[in-house]
Amino acid sequence: MITSNPARWVELPSLRRPRAVVWTQARVAVWRATGERPPLAVWTAEQTAAFLQHAGSHPLHAVFHVAALTGLRRGEVLGLRWCDLDLAGASLTVTHQIQERDGRAVICLPKSTASGRAVPLDGGTVALLVRLRSAQRREGGGAADGWVFARENGSHWSPSYVSHTFRRLIEKVDLPPVRFHDLRHGAATLSLAAGNDLKTVQALLGHASIVLTADTYTSVLPSLAQACAEATASLVRRAGYDRGRKICRSGARSARQGRRRAVGRGPRFIRAGGTLGRTHSGPSSDPQINKGHRQQP
């Protein structure tokens, strides 16, 4: 009989979520030269815009656009119905998602309670969705319970097909590689770069814990990192400069006070009687002193 559990001595590796890094020019150069890529990388705003512009005429362009700007998961984007959108109020509500299980697309509830959320929309995205609905209605679609991102026959897109198409378009535009899900990471990073606070980004992504948002979905953009470094150094430089000015002012004040005291006292001498007196440049009232004093011609 085993009296102790041998598994208690097994040390499991710690689960560490990879932190997203940005595809800077230096990282892109290394990837092009060696093929090495970070475990989790996101595009810059310029790279994201380049991709969306390249995919502008593709039927899935609106899917990529919404995912890149809102941070919705792939299944959440594909699971949107027109009744989930409030275009007049510029918002959408996540109520369903589409997942693939055993090679089949399945409609299911959001990932968690926090995932069922309202997401605000910018004006450009609202305009894009209005045009999409108008196009569907011209083809006899666009019903309230219809899919926002629908194929020609009105059915939803396959999640695996969307990811495959995304990878293929990236290769054509010659951008550094990212996964479709990395658009979600990028949306969080760009949202923070735009000035939104971490709590707002947490609600946008539908995270139950702000720790997950901070640890995984917040890459520091190079421009923000540089601005942070400059701001820190500026504080130190300014403090040192002010301190130097105070020291200089203090030294100059002491020197001026010393000169005034010296001028006020004037040269001194000791009289014959032992008392302290001042020297004079002209005749004195003391006849003993005047004996040695003669006017110069």
Protein backbone atom coordinates (compact mmCIF):
# COMPACT_ATOMS: atom_id res chain seq x y z
CA MET A 1 0.00 0.00 0.00
CA ILE A 2 1.26 3.48 -0.87
CA THR A 3 1.21 5.60 2.27
CA SER A 4 2.04 8.92 0.60
CA ASN A 5 1.10 10.61 -2.63
CA PRO A 6 4.19 10.82 -4.88
CA ALA A 7 2.48 13.45 -7.04
CA ARG A 8 2.82 15.95 -4.21
CA TRP A 9 6.52 16.30 -5.07
CA VAL A 10 5.87 17.09 -8.73
CA GLU A 11 6.40 20.74 -9.60
CA LEU A 12 4.14 21.87 -12.40
CA PRO A 13 5.42 24.61 -14.71
CA SER A 14 3.85 27.98 -13.99
CA LEU A 15 1.26 29.17 -16.46
CA ARG A 16 2.51 32.41 -17.93
CA ARG A 17 0.45 34.26 -20.45
CA PRO A 18 2.61 35.74 -23.21
CA ARG A 19 2.60 39.50 -23.24
CA ALA A 20 1.85 41.11 -26.56
CA VAL A 21 4.64 43.09 -28.19
CA VAL A 22 4.38 45.52 -31.08
CA TRP A 23 5.74 44.87 -34.56
CA THR A 24 8.34 47.63 -34.51
CA GLN A 25 10.66 48.19 -37.46
CA ALA A 26 13.45 46.38 -35.62
CA ARG A 27 11.29 43.30 -34.94
CA VAL A 28 10.07 43.28 -38.53
CA ALA A 29 13.68 43.37 -39.75
CA VAL A 30 14.61 40.39 -37.55
CA TRP A 31 11.57 38.45 -38.76
CA ARG A 32 12.40 39.11 -42.41
CA ALA A 33 16.03 38.07 -41.89
CA THR A 34 15.55 34.98 -39.71
CA GLY A 35 11.88 34.05 -39.83
CA GLU A 36 11.69 34.32 -36.03
CA ARG A 37 8.55 35.90 -34.61
CA PRO A 38 7.36 36.72 -31.08
CA PRO A 39 4.79 34.39 -29.47
CA LEU A 40 2.28 37.24 -29.43
CA ALA A 41 2.66 40.35 -31.56
CA VAL A 42 0.29 43.13 -32.64
CA TRP A 43 0.32 45.64 -35.46
CA THR A 44 0.89 49.33 -35.07
CA ALA A 45 -1.87 51.74 -36.07
CA GLU A 46 -0.14 52.27 -39.42
CA GLN A 47 0.11 48.53 -40.11
CA THR A 48 -3.54 48.00 -39.14
CA ALA A 49 -4.63 50.80 -41.47
CA ALA A 50 -2.52 49.35 -44.31
CA PHE A 51 -4.22 45.97 -43.95
CA LEU A 52 -7.75 47.38 -43.80
CA GLN A 53 -7.05 49.51 -46.86
CA HIS A 54 -5.73 46.50 -48.77
CA ALA A 55 -8.77 44.40 -47.78
CA GLY A 56 -11.21 47.20 -48.61
CA SER A 57 -12.78 45.44 -51.59
CA HIS A 58 -12.95 41.98 -50.01
CA PRO A 59 -16.35 40.60 -48.88
CA LEU A 60 -14.92 40.09 -45.37
CA HIS A 61 -13.58 43.64 -45.07
CA ALA A 62 -16.33 44.68 -42.63
CA VAL A 63 -15.52 41.68 -40.41
CA PHE A 64 -11.86 42.68 -40.20
CA HIS A 65 -12.77 46.33 -39.64
CA VAL A 66 -15.11 45.68 -36.72
CA ALA A 67 -12.71 43.20 -35.09
CA ALA A 68 -9.73 45.54 -35.39
CA LEU A 69 -11.53 48.57 -33.94
CA THR A 70 -13.75 47.01 -31.26
CA GLY A 71 -11.65 44.10 -29.99
CA LEU A 72 -14.47 41.57 -30.43
CA ARG A 73 -13.49 37.92 -30.60
CA ARG A 74 -13.83 36.14 -33.92
CA GLY A 75 -16.90 34.21 -32.79
CA GLU A 76 -18.49 37.36 -31.35
CA VAL A 77 -18.10 39.27 -34.61
CA LEU A 78 -19.53 36.45 -36.71
CA GLY A 79 -22.39 35.93 -34.24
CA LEU A 80 -23.75 39.47 -34.57
CA ARG A 81 -27.32 39.87 -35.84
CA TRP A 82 -28.91 43.10 -36.98
CA CYS A 83 -31.12 43.13 -33.89
CA ASP A 84 -27.91 43.27 -31.80
CA LEU A 85 -26.96 46.60 -33.35
CA ASP A 86 -28.23 50.03 -32.37
CA LEU A 87 -26.87 52.12 -35.21
CA ALA A 88 -28.76 55.23 -34.09
CA GLY A 89 -27.17 54.89 -30.65
CA ALA A 90 -23.79 53.86 -32.13
CA SER A 91 -23.43 50.63 -30.16
CA LEU A 92 -23.73 46.86 -30.42
CA THR A 93 -24.50 44.13 -27.88
CA VAL A 94 -22.76 40.77 -27.77
CA THR A 95 -25.43 38.11 -27.27
CA HIS A 96 -24.12 35.12 -29.22
CA GLN A 97 -20.95 33.73 -30.72
CA ILE A 98 -20.17 31.19 -33.41
CA GLN A 99 -17.62 28.48 -32.60
CA GLU A 100 -16.37 25.47 -34.50
CA ARG A 101 -16.65 22.10 -32.78
CA ASP A 102 -15.75 18.85 -34.51
CA GLY A 103 -15.59 20.66 -37.83
CA ARG A 104 -19.05 22.16 -37.46
CA ALA A 105 -20.08 25.75 -36.75
CA VAL A 106 -22.10 26.01 -33.54
CA ILE A 107 -24.10 29.02 -32.30
CA CYS A 108 -23.62 29.41 -28.56
CA LEU A 109 -23.76 31.94 -25.76
CA PRO A 110 -20.88 34.35 -25.04
CA LYS A 111 -17.75 32.99 -23.39
CA SER A 112 -18.65 34.38 -19.94
CA THR A 113 -21.10 36.65 -18.18
CA ALA A 114 -18.75 39.60 -18.68
CA SER A 115 -18.49 38.78 -22.39
CA GLY A 116 -22.16 39.63 -22.91
CA ARG A 117 -21.63 43.36 -23.12
CA ALA A 118 -22.47 46.57 -24.94
CA VAL A 119 -19.70 47.93 -27.16
CA PRO A 120 -19.64 51.53 -28.44
CA LEU A 121 -19.06 52.19 -32.14
CA ASP A 122 -17.25 55.07 -33.80
CA GLY A 123 -18.89 57.10 -36.54
CA GLY A 124 -16.88 55.48 -39.34
CA THR A 125 -17.87 51.99 -38.24
CA VAL A 126 -21.55 53.01 -38.01
CA ALA A 127 -21.41 54.38 -41.55
CA LEU A 128 -19.80 51.15 -42.78
CA LEU A 129 -22.53 49.03 -41.17
CA VAL A 130 -25.29 51.26 -42.57
CA ARG A 131 -23.92 50.72 -46.08
CA LEU A 132 -23.66 46.97 -45.44
CA ARG A 133 -27.29 46.75 -44.31
CA SER A 134 -28.47 48.76 -47.31
CA ALA A 135 -26.59 46.41 -49.63
CA GLN A 136 -28.17 43.37 -47.96
CA ARG A 137 -31.65 44.84 -48.21
CA ARG A 138 -31.20 45.41 -51.93
CA GLU A 139 -30.53 41.67 -52.21
CA GLY A 140 -33.55 40.78 -50.07
CA GLY A 141 -31.66 40.34 -46.79
CA GLY A 142 -30.98 42.57 -43.81
CA ALA A 143 -33.76 41.16 -41.61
CA ALA A 144 -33.64 41.91 -37.90
CA ASP A 145 -32.74 38.34 -37.05
CA GLY A 146 -30.35 38.02 -39.97
CA TRP A 147 -26.58 37.83 -39.65
CA VAL A 148 -24.74 41.12 -39.94
CA PHE A 149 -21.86 39.43 -41.73
CA ALA A 150 -23.64 37.02 -44.04
CA ARG A 151 -22.73 35.12 -47.17
CA GLU A 152 -24.71 35.57 -50.38
CA ASN A 153 -27.19 32.89 -49.32
CA GLY A 154 -27.77 34.60 -45.95
CA SER A 155 -25.82 32.09 -43.84
CA HIS A 156 -23.00 33.09 -41.52
CA TRP A 157 -19.34 32.76 -42.38
CA SER A 158 -17.26 29.83 -41.19
CA PRO A 159 -14.79 30.86 -38.44
CA SER A 160 -11.98 28.77 -39.96
CA TYR A 161 -12.56 30.28 -43.41
CA VAL A 162 -12.36 33.79 -41.96
CA SER A 163 -9.01 33.03 -40.28
CA HIS A 164 -7.66 31.37 -43.43
CA THR A 165 -8.65 34.35 -45.57
CA PHE A 166 -7.11 36.73 -43.04
CA ARG A 167 -3.73 34.96 -43.23
CA ARG A 168 -3.82 34.92 -47.02
CA LEU A 169 -4.51 38.66 -47.25
CA ILE A 170 -1.63 39.41 -44.87
CA GLU A 171 0.76 37.58 -47.16
CA LYS A 172 -0.41 39.59 -50.15
CA VAL A 173 0.07 42.95 -48.44
CA ASP A 174 3.49 41.86 -47.07
CA LEU A 175 2.81 42.72 -43.44
CA PRO A 176 4.35 40.93 -40.44
CA PRO A 177 2.22 37.94 -39.39
CA VAL A 178 -0.50 38.14 -36.76
CA ARG A 179 -3.43 35.86 -35.95
CA PHE A 180 -7.03 36.98 -36.31
CA HIS A 181 -7.29 36.94 -32.50
CA ASP A 182 -4.34 39.33 -32.35
CA LEU A 183 -6.61 42.02 -33.77
CA ARG A 184 -8.23 41.88 -30.33
CA HIS A 185 -4.88 42.44 -28.61
CA GLY A 186 -4.13 45.26 -31.00
CA ALA A 187 -7.48 46.96 -30.39
CA ALA A 188 -6.77 47.02 -26.65
CA THR A 189 -3.28 48.42 -27.17
CA LEU A 190 -4.42 51.11 -29.60
CA SER A 191 -7.32 52.03 -27.31
CA LEU A 192 -4.88 52.69 -24.47
CA ALA A 193 -2.63 54.63 -26.82
CA ALA A 194 -5.63 56.80 -27.74
CA GLY A 195 -5.93 57.81 -24.07
CA ASN A 196 -8.58 55.41 -22.75
CA ASP A 197 -8.04 54.11 -19.22
CA LEU A 198 -7.55 50.45 -18.34
CA LYS A 199 -11.01 50.08 -16.79
CA THR A 200 -12.65 51.27 -19.99
CA VAL A 201 -10.61 48.83 -22.06
CA GLN A 202 -11.55 46.01 -19.66
CA ALA A 203 -15.25 46.71 -20.24
CA LEU A 204 -14.67 46.99 -23.99
CA LEU A 205 -13.05 43.54 -24.13
CA GLY A 206 -15.50 41.92 -21.71
CA HIS A 207 -12.98 40.78 -19.11
CA ALA A 208 -14.17 39.86 -15.64
CA SER A 209 -10.80 40.84 -14.15
CA ILE A 210 -8.75 43.93 -14.90
CA VAL A 211 -5.61 41.89 -14.14
CA LEU A 212 -6.11 39.87 -17.32
CA THR A 213 -6.50 43.07 -19.31
CA ALA A 214 -3.33 44.58 -17.89
CA ASP A 215 -1.18 41.45 -18.11
CA THR A 216 -2.09 40.22 -21.58
CA TYR A 217 -3.79 42.81 -23.73
CA THR A 218 -1.74 45.95 -23.10
CA SER A 219 1.40 46.27 -25.18
CA VAL A 220 3.39 49.46 -24.85
CA LEU A 221 3.66 51.18 -28.20
CA PRO A 222 7.15 52.52 -29.03
CA SER A 223 5.89 56.11 -29.19
CA LEU A 224 4.32 55.83 -25.72
CA ALA A 225 7.41 54.17 -24.28
CA GLN A 226 9.61 56.94 -25.68
CA ALA A 227 7.29 59.63 -24.35
CA CYS A 228 7.37 57.96 -20.92
CA ALA A 229 11.18 57.88 -20.92
CA GLU A 230 11.41 61.53 -21.97
CA ALA A 231 8.88 62.62 -19.33
CA THR A 232 10.81 60.83 -16.57
CA ALA A 233 14.14 62.29 -17.66
CA SER A 234 12.58 65.73 -17.97
CA LEU A 235 11.47 65.65 -14.33
CA VAL A 236 15.00 64.82 -13.20
CA ARG A 237 16.60 67.43 -15.46
CA ARG A 238 14.17 70.10 -14.34
CA ALA A 239 14.71 69.27 -10.67
CA GLY A 240 18.49 69.44 -11.14
CA TYR A 241 18.29 72.69 -13.08
CA ASP A 242 16.10 74.33 -10.45
CA ARG A 243 18.43 73.12 -7.71
CA GLY A 244 21.42 74.54 -9.58
CA ARG A 245 19.71 77.91 -9.95
CA LYS A 246 18.91 77.96 -6.22
CA ILE A 247 22.55 77.23 -5.36
CA CYS A 248 23.79 79.94 -7.72
CA ARG A 249 21.33 82.49 -6.34
CA SER A 250 22.31 81.59 -2.78
CA GLY A 251 26.03 81.96 -3.56
CA ALA A 252 25.54 85.31 -5.30
CA ARG A 253 23.44 86.61 -2.39
CA SER A 254 26.12 85.64 0.12
CA ALA A 255 28.81 87.37 -1.95
CA ARG A 256 26.76 90.59 -2.19
CA GLN A 257 26.11 90.61 1.53
CA GLY A 258 29.84 90.10 2.20
CA ARG A 259 30.76 93.06 -0.01
CA ARG A 260 28.23 95.33 1.69
CA ARG A 261 29.59 94.45 5.12
CA ALA A 262 33.14 95.09 3.95
CA VAL A 263 32.24 98.50 2.47
CA GLY A 264 30.29 99.48 5.58
CA ARG A 265 33.26 98.73 7.87
CA GLY A 266 36.10 100.22 5.84
CA PRO A 267 39.79 99.72 6.76
CA ARG A 268 40.56 99.75 10.49
CA PHE A 269 43.59 100.59 12.65
CA ILE A 270 44.56 100.51 16.28
CA ARG A 271 44.99 103.86 17.99
CA ALA A 272 47.83 104.48 20.36
CA GLY A 273 45.48 104.10 23.28
CA GLY A 274 44.45 100.67 22.11
CA THR A 275 41.01 101.65 20.73
CA LEU A 276 39.75 100.65 17.32
CA GLY A 277 39.33 103.45 14.75
CA ARG A 278 38.84 104.01 10.98
CA THR A 279 41.26 105.46 8.47
CA HIS A 280 40.42 108.68 6.60
CA SER A 281 41.56 109.98 3.27
CA GLY A 282 41.40 113.69 4.32
CA PRO A 283 42.52 115.86 7.23
CA SER A 284 41.40 114.76 10.67
CA SER A 285 40.23 116.84 13.58
CA ASP A 286 42.95 115.21 15.64
CA PRO A 287 46.03 117.50 15.55
CA GLN A 288 48.35 114.53 16.18
CA ILE A 289 47.13 112.89 13.00
CA ASN A 290 47.24 116.14 10.97
CA LYS A 291 50.91 116.57 11.74
CA GLY A 292 51.72 113.79 9.34
CA HIS A 293 49.10 114.76 6.79
CA ARG A 294 50.03 117.16 3.99
CA GLN A 295 47.94 118.30 1.10
CA GLN A 296 49.34 117.17 -2.22
CA PRO A 297 49.91 120.05 -4.66
